[in-house]
């Protein structure tokens, strides 16, 4: 096979496009194809067209960002109940030239799992693929891609109080996309990412075949754990290695406003958050609150909320000791602290403390159903106090804009894993990740909020990573660049945003894509592109060394 170093990009990229649709106007050929590929003795393939009464509700079921609900509607929605339904959907969409989108039912900041520029497309919605099978003796779990994190945490808790899984904060996030993009959560400093714990997976490839770790290539198994599985196939399920947690963990929450010294405390947090004992996680949420909540008037102010999870021995007294030694400015006392199970801590940090564990099973989250825009950054050097003061000013400059910033500390286990172990490269050298989000409820407010978010992102440029300015894949951001409708798939264009998500790992992802999906069937506005060479009439995949 032809070899090409990563610096030899004089190669001619070949546009990868799907064939023109050839089905009849009503889609009868496509529906017939599904029937032909339906496996005997399996349930009928659930499929909805725009004429079905349930179509609208199913389409909107996990379309949380209202910015994308008025876009082009899919011709078909398939809600598989059997893996063969997914296989048939891939085979038939490929045969009849339909763009295929796959939705896991969680959050999708830029709507790429249910929006397409194609004239005709189909959605495979995996909302019924949500089984979680926990093996306590083996400390493993098989998790179907349509499950939510809350369903994972609940099912683990029902089997064991001393097992956990290092994944995200929000219980309504979908497992399929979350793990395939990395998966940050409160256990990140002790156990790393959700993707670091994957030991097997099932995925439907471009030919409709189901592959697992034994039957897929080493490169493909590497790529789907942090590189975004949607570029390579339809992820059906993950097998993950669970982690050990204490039967009782210690949690605490401390809130400080600007008037209560938040600037100095946040500044100090940057110097210690990634250097603490691995058993201590102190996450930070920056938001706006009304001063009348703290009896200081009606003006808004910035509030810093510190969320603490302690996994070590000694409970509250030990946490207080560690806090006094490393972070006395926080003023942590036993009144801030509670002890509970690890699963209950997810309710606590969601401000749902005291509710039954079954609350984790709720898939709907009204707080995420609005118009929104999000971005992310990585910080390598603490932001100065002056930089923080200007940040606070910008957060407060408009009375009708309500931003939130989530700062997730790294360090610990993240410093011990190579940047190339999986596609997620943001490891050592980063103090913390910033997740920015702004939400609003009226379509007419979109332009103002989007402009404000972009201006804030521009302001943060001097304080965050450089060359490239990196971002977290699970905070998809089309402002970084995207394929537009009818535009050729280009390695050089994709590299603009690909290196921000993956750094040097982007080149290997392109190699894997070129091997497993050279025709670019699995695609979205920021998907990994394949590259080919046309040499002496032969089509040859480029390998990157």
Protein backbone atom coordinates (compact mmCIF):
# COMPACT_ATOMS: atom_id res chain seq x y z
CA UNK A 1 0.00 0.00 0.00
CA UNK A 2 1.25 3.47 -0.87
CA UNK A 3 2.87 5.29 2.03
CA UNK A 4 2.78 9.05 2.54
CA UNK A 5 4.21 11.07 5.42
CA UNK A 6 1.96 13.58 7.15
CA UNK A 7 3.88 16.45 5.54
CA UNK A 8 3.26 15.32 1.97
CA UNK A 9 -0.11 16.95 1.38
CA UNK A 10 0.36 17.72 -2.28
CA UNK A 11 -1.88 14.67 -2.76
CA UNK A 12 -5.13 15.27 -4.63
CA UNK A 13 -8.14 14.91 -2.30
CA UNK A 14 -11.05 13.17 -3.97
CA UNK A 15 -14.45 14.53 -3.15
CA UNK A 16 -16.43 11.93 -1.22
CA UNK A 17 -20.12 12.26 -2.00
CA UNK A 18 -23.13 10.00 -1.67
CA UNK A 19 -24.94 8.89 -4.86
CA UNK A 20 -28.00 10.79 -5.98
CA UNK A 21 -31.19 9.43 -4.39
CA UNK A 22 -32.99 6.98 -6.62
CA UNK A 23 -35.99 6.07 -4.46
CA UNK A 24 -39.50 7.06 -5.43
CA UNK A 25 -40.96 10.31 -4.12
CA UNK A 26 -42.81 8.57 -1.33
CA UNK A 27 -39.80 6.51 -0.31
CA UNK A 28 -41.43 3.17 -1.14
CA UNK A 29 -38.14 1.74 -2.47
CA UNK A 30 -36.38 2.61 0.79
CA UNK A 31 -39.17 1.12 2.88
CA UNK A 32 -39.12 -2.01 0.75
CA UNK A 33 -35.38 -2.24 1.25
CA UNK A 34 -35.88 -2.19 5.01
CA UNK A 35 -38.41 -4.99 4.72
CA UNK A 36 -36.06 -7.06 2.55
CA UNK A 37 -33.26 -6.64 5.08
CA UNK A 38 -35.51 -7.32 8.05
CA UNK A 39 -34.26 -10.41 9.88
CA UNK A 40 -36.85 -13.12 10.39
CA UNK A 41 -38.17 -13.67 13.92
CA UNK A 42 -37.14 -10.17 15.03
CA UNK A 43 -39.55 -7.32 15.84
CA UNK A 44 -40.87 -5.24 12.96
CA UNK A 45 -38.65 -2.24 12.22
CA UNK A 46 -40.30 0.84 13.81
CA UNK A 47 -40.21 3.58 11.17
CA UNK A 48 -41.98 6.94 11.02
CA UNK A 49 -42.60 9.20 8.06
CA UNK A 50 -43.84 12.77 8.11
CA UNK A 51 -47.37 11.41 7.70
CA UNK A 52 -47.28 9.52 11.01
CA UNK A 53 -49.08 11.18 13.92
CA UNK A 54 -46.14 10.38 16.24
CA UNK A 55 -43.50 11.79 13.89
CA UNK A 56 -43.37 15.31 15.35
CA UNK A 57 -43.14 14.16 18.97
CA UNK A 58 -40.38 11.66 18.19
CA UNK A 59 -38.41 14.25 16.22
CA UNK A 60 -38.61 16.74 19.08
CA UNK A 61 -38.00 14.15 21.82
CA UNK A 62 -34.31 14.94 22.25
CA UNK A 63 -33.99 18.04 20.09
CA UNK A 64 -33.04 20.09 23.11
CA UNK A 65 -31.51 23.07 21.33
CA UNK A 66 -34.41 25.04 19.87
CA UNK A 67 -32.07 26.76 17.41
CA UNK A 68 -32.27 23.68 15.18
CA UNK A 69 -35.91 22.63 15.45
CA UNK A 70 -37.01 24.69 12.43
CA UNK A 71 -34.43 23.19 10.08
CA UNK A 72 -35.01 20.56 7.38
CA UNK A 73 -36.98 17.58 8.66
CA UNK A 74 -35.90 13.97 8.06
CA UNK A 75 -37.86 11.90 5.57
CA UNK A 76 -37.72 8.90 7.89
CA UNK A 77 -37.12 8.27 11.59
CA UNK A 78 -36.17 4.72 12.58
CA UNK A 79 -36.36 3.80 16.28
CA UNK A 80 -34.62 0.40 16.38
CA UNK A 81 -35.49 -2.24 18.95
CA UNK A 82 -33.05 -4.80 17.53
CA UNK A 83 -29.50 -4.45 16.22
CA UNK A 84 -30.60 -5.78 12.82
CA UNK A 85 -32.81 -2.70 12.46
CA UNK A 86 -29.69 -0.54 12.59
CA UNK A 87 -27.94 -2.76 10.05
CA UNK A 88 -30.88 -2.50 7.66
CA UNK A 89 -30.98 1.28 8.07
CA UNK A 90 -27.31 1.61 7.14
CA UNK A 91 -27.62 -0.74 4.15
CA UNK A 92 -30.72 0.99 2.77
CA UNK A 93 -29.61 4.56 3.38
CA UNK A 94 -26.37 3.77 1.58
CA UNK A 95 -28.19 2.05 -1.29
CA UNK A 96 -30.63 4.90 -1.89
CA UNK A 97 -28.35 7.82 -1.12
CA UNK A 98 -30.00 9.07 2.06
CA UNK A 99 -27.85 10.94 4.53
CA UNK A 100 -27.95 9.02 7.82
CA UNK A 101 -27.98 10.73 11.21
CA UNK A 102 -27.73 8.81 14.48
CA UNK A 103 -29.19 10.20 17.69
CA UNK A 104 -28.59 8.73 21.14
CA UNK A 105 -31.23 10.81 22.89
CA UNK A 106 -29.03 12.98 25.07
CA UNK A 107 -27.61 16.45 24.47
CA UNK A 108 -26.38 17.74 21.10
CA UNK A 109 -25.19 21.34 21.25
CA UNK A 110 -25.07 21.88 17.48
CA UNK A 111 -27.85 19.54 16.34
CA UNK A 112 -25.56 17.42 14.18
CA UNK A 113 -27.30 14.17 15.16
CA UNK A 114 -30.67 15.28 13.80
CA UNK A 115 -30.01 18.08 11.25
CA UNK A 116 -28.76 17.63 7.68
CA UNK A 117 -28.16 19.83 4.64
CA UNK A 118 -29.19 16.93 2.39
CA UNK A 119 -32.51 17.11 0.57
CA UNK A 120 -33.47 13.71 1.98
CA UNK A 121 -32.13 12.11 5.11
CA UNK A 122 -33.06 9.63 7.80
CA UNK A 123 -32.54 9.55 11.56
CA UNK A 124 -31.79 6.40 13.50
CA UNK A 125 -32.92 7.26 17.02
CA UNK A 126 -31.49 4.82 19.57
CA UNK A 127 -33.82 5.80 22.39
CA UNK A 128 -34.93 2.15 22.80
CA UNK A 129 -31.31 0.96 22.91
CA UNK A 130 -30.82 1.70 26.61
CA UNK A 131 -30.13 -1.54 28.45
CA UNK A 132 -27.43 -1.43 31.14
CA UNK A 133 -26.12 -4.85 32.25
CA UNK A 134 -23.84 -4.65 35.29
CA UNK A 135 -21.49 -7.50 36.23
CA UNK A 136 -20.35 -6.75 39.77
CA UNK A 137 -18.07 -9.79 40.01
CA UNK A 138 -16.21 -8.79 36.87
CA UNK A 139 -16.47 -5.04 37.62
CA UNK A 140 -17.79 -4.43 34.11
CA UNK A 141 -20.96 -3.24 32.42
CA UNK A 142 -22.41 -3.45 28.93
CA UNK A 143 -24.16 -0.17 28.15
CA UNK A 144 -26.29 0.38 25.06
CA UNK A 145 -25.72 3.62 23.22
CA UNK A 146 -29.18 5.08 23.88
CA UNK A 147 -28.87 4.95 27.66
CA UNK A 148 -28.35 8.12 29.67
CA UNK A 149 -25.67 8.64 32.29
CA UNK A 150 -28.39 8.71 34.93
CA UNK A 151 -29.57 5.27 33.83
CA UNK A 152 -25.99 4.01 34.04
CA UNK A 153 -25.47 5.41 37.54
CA UNK A 154 -28.83 4.05 38.72
CA UNK A 155 -28.19 0.53 37.42
CA UNK A 156 -24.73 0.42 38.94
CA UNK A 157 -26.13 1.60 42.29
CA UNK A 158 -28.78 -1.11 42.26
CA UNK A 159 -26.06 -3.75 42.06
CA UNK A 160 -23.32 -2.24 44.23
CA UNK A 161 -22.57 0.70 46.51
CA UNK A 162 -18.83 0.32 45.94
CA UNK A 163 -18.72 0.51 42.15
CA UNK A 164 -18.89 3.60 39.96
CA UNK A 165 -18.11 4.87 36.49
CA UNK A 166 -16.12 8.02 35.62
CA UNK A 167 -18.49 9.94 33.36
CA UNK A 168 -20.28 13.27 33.16
CA UNK A 169 -22.22 15.47 35.54
CA UNK A 170 -25.65 15.66 33.86
CA UNK A 171 -27.82 12.52 34.24
CA UNK A 172 -29.66 13.22 30.96
CA UNK A 173 -26.56 13.09 28.74
CA UNK A 174 -26.58 10.19 26.26
CA UNK A 175 -23.92 7.52 26.74
CA UNK A 176 -23.17 6.82 23.07
CA UNK A 177 -21.92 10.29 22.17
CA UNK A 178 -20.56 11.14 25.62
CA UNK A 179 -18.11 8.25 25.77
CA UNK A 180 -17.17 8.47 22.10
CA UNK A 181 -16.07 12.09 22.68
CA UNK A 182 -14.10 11.38 25.87
CA UNK A 183 -16.38 11.86 28.86
CA UNK A 184 -15.43 14.31 31.63
CA UNK A 185 -16.84 14.01 35.14
CA UNK A 186 -16.13 14.27 38.84
CA UNK A 187 -13.99 11.09 38.86
CA UNK A 188 -11.66 12.42 36.15
CA UNK A 189 -8.78 13.19 38.52
CA UNK A 190 -8.74 9.70 40.03
CA UNK A 191 -9.79 7.51 37.09
CA UNK A 192 -9.54 9.60 33.93
CA UNK A 193 -12.20 9.77 31.22
CA UNK A 194 -15.18 7.56 30.50
CA UNK A 195 -13.47 6.58 27.21
CA UNK A 196 -10.37 5.45 29.13
CA UNK A 197 -12.48 2.69 30.70
CA UNK A 198 -13.88 1.18 27.48
CA UNK A 199 -12.76 -2.42 26.97
CA UNK A 200 -15.06 -3.50 24.12
CA UNK A 201 -17.74 -2.09 21.84
CA UNK A 202 -20.24 -3.08 19.17
CA UNK A 203 -20.52 -0.89 16.09
CA UNK A 204 -22.27 -1.19 12.72
CA UNK A 205 -19.85 -0.37 9.92
CA UNK A 206 -20.47 1.15 6.49
CA UNK A 207 -21.31 -2.27 5.04
CA UNK A 208 -23.92 -2.99 7.68
CA UNK A 209 -21.74 -5.48 9.54
CA UNK A 210 -21.59 -5.59 13.32
CA UNK A 211 -18.03 -5.41 14.62
CA UNK A 212 -16.58 -5.76 18.11
CA UNK A 213 -13.07 -5.36 19.43
CA UNK A 214 -12.01 -8.74 18.05
CA UNK A 215 -13.37 -8.16 14.57
CA UNK A 216 -12.73 -4.44 14.07
CA UNK A 217 -9.28 -3.07 13.35
CA UNK A 218 -7.07 -1.82 16.16
CA UNK A 219 -7.26 1.62 14.60
CA UNK A 220 -11.06 1.70 14.60
CA UNK A 221 -11.24 0.62 18.25
CA UNK A 222 -8.78 3.42 19.05
CA UNK A 223 -10.73 6.00 17.02
CA UNK A 224 -14.19 5.51 18.51
CA UNK A 225 -12.93 6.03 22.08
CA UNK A 226 -12.66 9.82 22.03
CA UNK A 227 -12.62 10.52 18.28
CA UNK A 228 -16.38 10.67 17.79
CA UNK A 229 -17.89 7.33 16.75
CA UNK A 230 -20.35 9.05 14.39
CA UNK A 231 -17.56 9.51 11.81
CA UNK A 232 -16.94 5.76 11.63
CA UNK A 233 -20.20 3.87 12.13
CA UNK A 234 -23.25 3.45 14.31
CA UNK A 235 -22.23 2.71 17.88
CA UNK A 236 -24.53 0.11 19.47
CA UNK A 237 -23.00 -0.51 22.88
CA UNK A 238 -19.96 -0.09 25.09
CA UNK A 239 -18.38 -2.55 27.49
CA UNK A 240 -16.71 -0.59 30.27
CA UNK A 241 -14.57 -1.36 33.26
CA UNK A 242 -16.15 -0.06 36.44
CA UNK A 243 -14.14 1.61 39.20
CA UNK A 244 -14.12 1.28 42.96
CA UNK A 245 -15.68 3.99 45.10
CA UNK A 246 -16.24 4.11 48.87
CA UNK A 247 -19.61 2.91 50.14
CA UNK A 248 -19.96 6.42 51.52
CA UNK A 249 -18.43 9.47 49.81
CA UNK A 250 -18.12 12.97 51.18
CA UNK A 251 -19.58 15.89 49.28
CA UNK A 252 -19.71 19.62 49.87
CA UNK A 253 -20.88 22.75 48.11
CA UNK A 254 -19.66 26.27 48.85
CA UNK A 255 -21.05 29.38 47.16
CA UNK A 256 -19.25 32.72 47.12
CA UNK A 257 -20.31 35.93 45.39
CA UNK A 258 -18.05 38.80 44.36
CA UNK A 259 -19.07 40.63 47.50
CA UNK A 260 -17.95 37.60 49.52
CA UNK A 261 -14.47 37.48 47.98
CA UNK A 262 -15.11 35.17 45.02
CA UNK A 263 -12.37 36.73 42.88
CA UNK A 264 -9.55 35.91 45.31
CA UNK A 265 -10.93 32.42 45.96
CA UNK A 266 -11.31 31.58 42.26
CA UNK A 267 -7.80 32.91 41.60
CA UNK A 268 -6.36 30.64 44.31
CA UNK A 269 -8.40 27.65 43.05
CA UNK A 270 -6.47 27.77 39.77
CA UNK A 271 -3.20 27.08 41.60
CA UNK A 272 -4.37 24.06 43.59
CA UNK A 273 -7.32 22.36 41.84
CA UNK A 274 -5.18 20.11 39.59
CA UNK A 275 -2.56 19.42 42.28
CA UNK A 276 -4.72 18.12 45.09
CA UNK A 277 -4.82 14.51 46.24
CA UNK A 278 -6.46 12.36 43.53
CA UNK A 279 -9.31 11.63 45.91
CA UNK A 280 -10.34 15.30 45.97
CA UNK A 281 -12.29 16.88 43.14
CA UNK A 282 -13.27 20.55 43.37
CA UNK A 283 -15.30 21.64 40.37
CA UNK A 284 -16.30 25.25 39.82
CA UNK A 285 -19.45 26.77 38.37
CA UNK A 286 -19.56 30.48 37.55
CA UNK A 287 -23.04 31.94 37.14
CA UNK A 288 -25.09 35.05 37.78
CA UNK A 289 -27.44 35.43 40.73
CA UNK A 290 -29.56 38.21 42.14
CA UNK A 291 -28.14 39.93 45.19
CA UNK A 292 -31.55 39.84 46.81
CA UNK A 293 -30.89 36.17 47.50
CA UNK A 294 -28.19 37.23 49.88
CA UNK A 295 -29.93 40.38 51.15
CA UNK A 296 -27.66 42.81 49.33
CA UNK A 297 -30.18 44.45 47.01
CA UNK A 298 -31.61 43.69 43.60
CA UNK A 299 -28.49 43.98 41.44
CA UNK A 300 -27.05 40.88 39.81
CA UNK A 301 -23.68 39.55 40.84
CA UNK A 302 -21.30 36.77 39.90
CA UNK A 303 -21.41 33.64 42.03
CA UNK A 304 -18.72 30.97 42.21
CA UNK A 305 -20.07 27.58 43.28
CA UNK A 306 -17.45 25.05 44.38
CA UNK A 307 -18.62 21.42 44.21
CA UNK A 308 -16.44 18.99 46.15
CA UNK A 309 -16.30 15.19 45.96
CA UNK A 310 -13.98 13.34 48.35
CA UNK A 311 -13.33 9.63 47.72
CA UNK A 312 -10.78 9.04 50.46
CA UNK A 313 -11.00 7.58 53.94
CA UNK A 314 -11.77 9.66 56.96
CA UNK A 315 -14.99 11.30 55.78
CA UNK A 316 -15.79 14.89 56.73
CA UNK A 317 -12.93 15.38 59.21
CA UNK A 318 -10.32 14.30 56.65
CA UNK A 319 -11.81 16.51 53.93
CA UNK A 320 -11.80 19.50 56.28
CA UNK A 321 -8.16 18.82 57.12
CA UNK A 322 -7.14 18.63 53.46
CA UNK A 323 -9.11 21.80 52.68
CA UNK A 324 -7.48 23.71 55.52
CA UNK A 325 -4.01 22.62 54.37
CA UNK A 326 -4.44 23.40 50.66
CA UNK A 327 -7.36 25.77 50.27
CA UNK A 328 -8.17 27.63 53.51
CA UNK A 329 -9.49 30.59 51.49
CA UNK A 330 -12.57 28.53 50.63
CA UNK A 331 -13.72 28.54 54.23
CA UNK A 332 -15.05 24.97 54.13
CA UNK A 333 -16.78 23.89 57.35
CA UNK A 334 -18.64 20.79 58.45
CA UNK A 335 -21.91 22.66 57.79
CA UNK A 336 -21.11 22.54 54.06
CA UNK A 337 -20.47 18.78 54.07
CA UNK A 338 -22.60 15.68 53.74
CA UNK A 339 -21.99 11.96 53.41
CA UNK A 340 -23.89 9.74 50.97
CA UNK A 341 -23.45 7.05 48.33
CA UNK A 342 -21.62 7.83 45.10
CA UNK A 343 -24.85 7.50 43.08
CA UNK A 344 -26.65 9.94 45.41
CA UNK A 345 -23.88 12.48 44.84
CA UNK A 346 -25.15 12.96 41.28
CA UNK A 347 -28.48 14.14 42.67
CA UNK A 348 -26.66 16.33 45.18
CA UNK A 349 -24.56 18.12 42.56
CA UNK A 350 -27.68 18.58 40.41
CA UNK A 351 -29.33 20.34 43.37
CA UNK A 352 -31.78 17.45 43.69
CA UNK A 353 -30.53 16.15 47.05
CA UNK A 354 -33.11 14.17 48.95
CA UNK A 355 -34.98 12.91 45.91
CA UNK A 356 -35.17 9.14 45.37
CA UNK A 357 -32.52 7.47 43.26
CA UNK A 358 -35.14 6.78 40.59
CA UNK A 359 -34.93 10.47 39.73
CA UNK A 360 -31.73 9.57 37.83
CA UNK A 361 -33.89 7.69 35.33
CA UNK A 362 -35.67 10.84 34.14
CA UNK A 363 -34.63 11.45 30.54
CA UNK A 364 -36.24 14.88 30.17
CA UNK A 365 -34.43 17.95 31.48
CA UNK A 366 -36.46 21.16 31.03
CA UNK A 367 -33.40 23.25 31.92
CA UNK A 368 -31.70 22.12 28.69
CA UNK A 369 -34.70 22.70 26.42
CA UNK A 370 -34.09 26.20 25.11
CA UNK A 371 -32.01 28.13 22.61
CA UNK A 372 -28.33 27.83 23.50
CA UNK A 373 -24.74 28.22 22.37
CA UNK A 374 -21.73 26.60 24.00
CA UNK A 375 -17.97 26.54 23.61
CA UNK A 376 -14.98 25.21 25.53
CA UNK A 377 -11.34 25.96 26.26
CA UNK A 378 -8.33 24.59 28.14
CA UNK A 379 -6.33 26.70 30.57
CA UNK A 380 -2.63 26.03 31.08
CA UNK A 381 -1.63 29.14 33.09
CA UNK A 382 -3.80 30.66 35.86
CA UNK A 383 -5.82 33.66 34.76
CA UNK A 384 -4.70 36.85 36.51
CA UNK A 385 -6.97 38.67 38.94
CA UNK A 386 -7.31 41.51 36.45
CA UNK A 387 -8.29 38.99 33.81
CA UNK A 388 -10.95 37.57 36.13
CA UNK A 389 -12.29 41.02 36.97
CA UNK A 390 -12.74 41.81 33.29
CA UNK A 391 -14.38 38.41 32.80
CA UNK A 392 -16.88 39.20 35.57
CA UNK A 393 -17.60 42.58 33.97
CA UNK A 394 -18.41 40.92 30.66
CA UNK A 395 -20.66 38.36 32.33
CA UNK A 396 -22.62 41.21 33.92
CA UNK A 397 -22.74 43.66 31.01
CA UNK A 398 -26.23 42.70 29.75
CA UNK A 399 -29.17 42.31 32.11
CA UNK A 400 -30.92 39.90 29.75
CA UNK A 401 -28.01 37.53 29.01
CA UNK A 402 -27.52 34.62 31.44
CA UNK A 403 -24.23 32.75 30.88
CA UNK A 404 -22.79 29.87 32.87
CA UNK A 405 -19.17 28.69 32.97
CA UNK A 406 -18.17 25.23 34.23
CA UNK A 407 -14.49 24.80 35.17
CA UNK A 408 -13.40 21.16 35.45
CA UNK A 409 -9.95 20.53 37.00
CA UNK A 410 -7.53 18.03 35.52
CA UNK A 411 -4.32 16.67 37.07
CA UNK A 412 -4.10 13.36 38.87
CA UNK A 413 -4.79 10.44 36.54
CA UNK A 414 -4.99 12.78 33.55
CA UNK A 415 -1.26 13.48 33.92
CA UNK A 416 -0.47 9.76 33.76
CA UNK A 417 -2.07 8.92 30.41
CA UNK A 418 -0.40 9.62 27.06
CA UNK A 419 -2.04 12.14 24.73
CA UNK A 420 -2.09 9.47 22.02
CA UNK A 421 -3.53 6.64 24.13
CA UNK A 422 -6.95 7.51 22.71
CA UNK A 423 -7.92 10.40 20.37
CA UNK A 424 -8.72 12.73 23.30
CA UNK A 425 -5.36 14.58 23.65
CA UNK A 426 -6.04 17.14 26.41
CA UNK A 427 -4.05 15.63 29.27
CA UNK A 428 -0.98 16.87 31.11
CA UNK A 429 -0.22 20.57 30.99
CA UNK A 430 -3.86 21.61 31.29
CA UNK A 431 -5.01 22.95 34.64
CA UNK A 432 -8.68 22.86 33.81
CA UNK A 433 -11.32 22.84 31.08
CA UNK A 434 -13.82 25.70 30.67
CA UNK A 435 -17.29 24.98 29.35
CA UNK A 436 -19.17 28.14 28.37
CA UNK A 437 -22.91 28.15 27.72
CA UNK A 438 -25.49 30.87 27.24
CA UNK A 439 -29.21 30.11 26.99
CA UNK A 440 -32.30 32.09 26.00
CA UNK A 441 -35.99 31.44 25.30
CA UNK A 442 -36.99 33.65 22.37
CA UNK A 443 -35.81 33.14 18.80
CA UNK A 444 -35.55 36.89 18.37
CA UNK A 445 -32.81 36.97 21.01
CA UNK A 446 -30.54 34.55 19.13
CA UNK A 447 -28.34 37.01 17.26
CA UNK A 448 -27.60 39.07 20.37
CA UNK A 449 -26.73 36.02 22.48
CA UNK A 450 -24.60 34.42 19.77
CA UNK A 451 -22.65 37.65 19.24
CA UNK A 452 -22.12 38.00 22.98
CA UNK A 453 -20.79 34.45 23.31
CA UNK A 454 -18.40 34.91 20.38
CA UNK A 455 -17.11 38.16 21.86
CA UNK A 456 -16.52 36.48 25.22
CA UNK A 457 -14.65 33.65 23.49
CA UNK A 458 -12.49 36.21 21.71
CA UNK A 459 -11.75 37.97 25.00
CA UNK A 460 -10.50 34.71 26.53
CA UNK A 461 -7.90 34.17 23.77
CA UNK A 462 -4.85 35.38 25.76
CA UNK A 463 -5.74 33.19 28.76
CA UNK A 464 -6.21 29.78 27.14
CA UNK A 465 -4.26 27.19 25.14
CA UNK A 466 -2.54 28.26 21.93
CA UNK A 467 -1.18 26.72 18.72
CA UNK A 468 -3.73 25.28 18.54
CA UNK A 469 -6.38 26.72 20.80
CA UNK A 470 -7.88 23.42 21.86
CA UNK A 471 -11.47 22.50 22.57
CA UNK A 472 -13.34 19.44 23.86
CA UNK A 473 -15.13 17.37 21.23
CA UNK A 474 -18.24 16.95 23.37
CA UNK A 475 -18.67 20.72 23.20
CA UNK A 476 -19.09 20.79 19.43
CA UNK A 477 -18.66 24.30 18.08
CA UNK A 478 -19.48 25.05 14.45
CA UNK A 479 -17.86 28.49 14.81
CA UNK A 480 -14.52 26.67 14.51
CA UNK A 481 -15.36 25.76 10.91
CA UNK A 482 -17.66 23.36 9.13
CA UNK A 483 -18.53 21.82 5.80
CA UNK A 484 -21.27 23.84 4.14
CA UNK A 485 -24.05 22.45 1.96
CA UNK A 486 -22.63 21.12 -1.32
CA UNK A 487 -19.04 21.74 -0.29
CA UNK A 488 -16.35 19.17 -1.10
CA UNK A 489 -14.95 17.13 1.75
CA UNK A 490 -11.45 18.50 2.29
CA UNK A 491 -8.69 17.31 4.59
CA UNK A 492 -7.13 20.78 4.68
CA UNK A 493 -10.41 22.40 5.66
CA UNK A 494 -11.22 19.76 8.27
CA UNK A 495 -7.76 20.19 9.76
CA UNK A 496 -8.76 23.74 10.80
CA UNK A 497 -11.07 22.39 13.48
CA UNK A 498 -9.75 18.82 13.66
CA UNK A 499 -6.48 19.83 15.29
CA UNK A 500 -8.37 21.93 17.85
CA UNK A 501 -10.32 18.87 18.92
CA UNK A 502 -7.58 16.25 18.52
CA UNK A 503 -4.19 17.95 18.07
CA UNK A 504 -1.75 15.47 16.44
CA UNK A 505 -4.25 12.64 16.82
CA UNK A 506 -6.26 14.15 13.97
CA UNK A 507 -3.87 12.63 11.40
CA UNK A 508 -4.40 9.11 12.70
CA UNK A 509 -8.17 9.62 12.75
CA UNK A 510 -8.02 10.57 9.06
CA UNK A 511 -6.07 7.39 8.37
CA UNK A 512 -8.65 5.24 10.15
CA UNK A 513 -11.51 7.00 8.37
CA UNK A 514 -9.82 6.44 5.00
CA UNK A 515 -9.57 2.73 5.74
CA UNK A 516 -13.01 2.01 7.18
CA UNK A 517 -15.25 4.53 5.36
CA UNK A 518 -13.40 5.78 2.24
CA UNK A 519 -16.65 6.88 0.59
CA UNK A 520 -17.52 9.11 3.56
CA UNK A 521 -20.97 7.65 4.18
CA UNK A 522 -20.87 8.56 7.89
CA UNK A 523 -20.54 12.33 7.89
CA UNK A 524 -21.63 15.57 9.49
CA UNK A 525 -20.55 19.20 9.37
CA UNK A 526 -17.36 18.44 11.32
CA UNK A 527 -16.78 14.75 10.67
CA UNK A 528 -13.38 13.19 10.09
CA UNK A 529 -12.64 13.24 6.33
CA UNK A 530 -11.16 10.40 4.26
CA UNK A 531 -8.27 11.16 1.92
CA UNK A 532 -7.41 9.31 -1.27
CA UNK A 533 -4.81 9.60 -3.96
CA UNK A 534 -5.50 9.20 -7.63
CA UNK A 535 -2.35 7.57 -8.99
CA UNK A 536 -2.12 5.94 -12.41
CA UNK A 537 -5.87 5.38 -12.45
CA UNK A 538 -5.78 3.54 -9.14
CA UNK A 539 -7.43 4.69 -5.94
CA UNK A 540 -5.00 4.33 -3.02
CA UNK A 541 -5.62 5.17 0.62
CA UNK A 542 -3.06 7.48 2.18
CA UNK A 543 -1.36 6.30 5.35
CA UNK A 544 0.02 8.86 7.80
CA UNK A 545 3.20 8.02 9.63
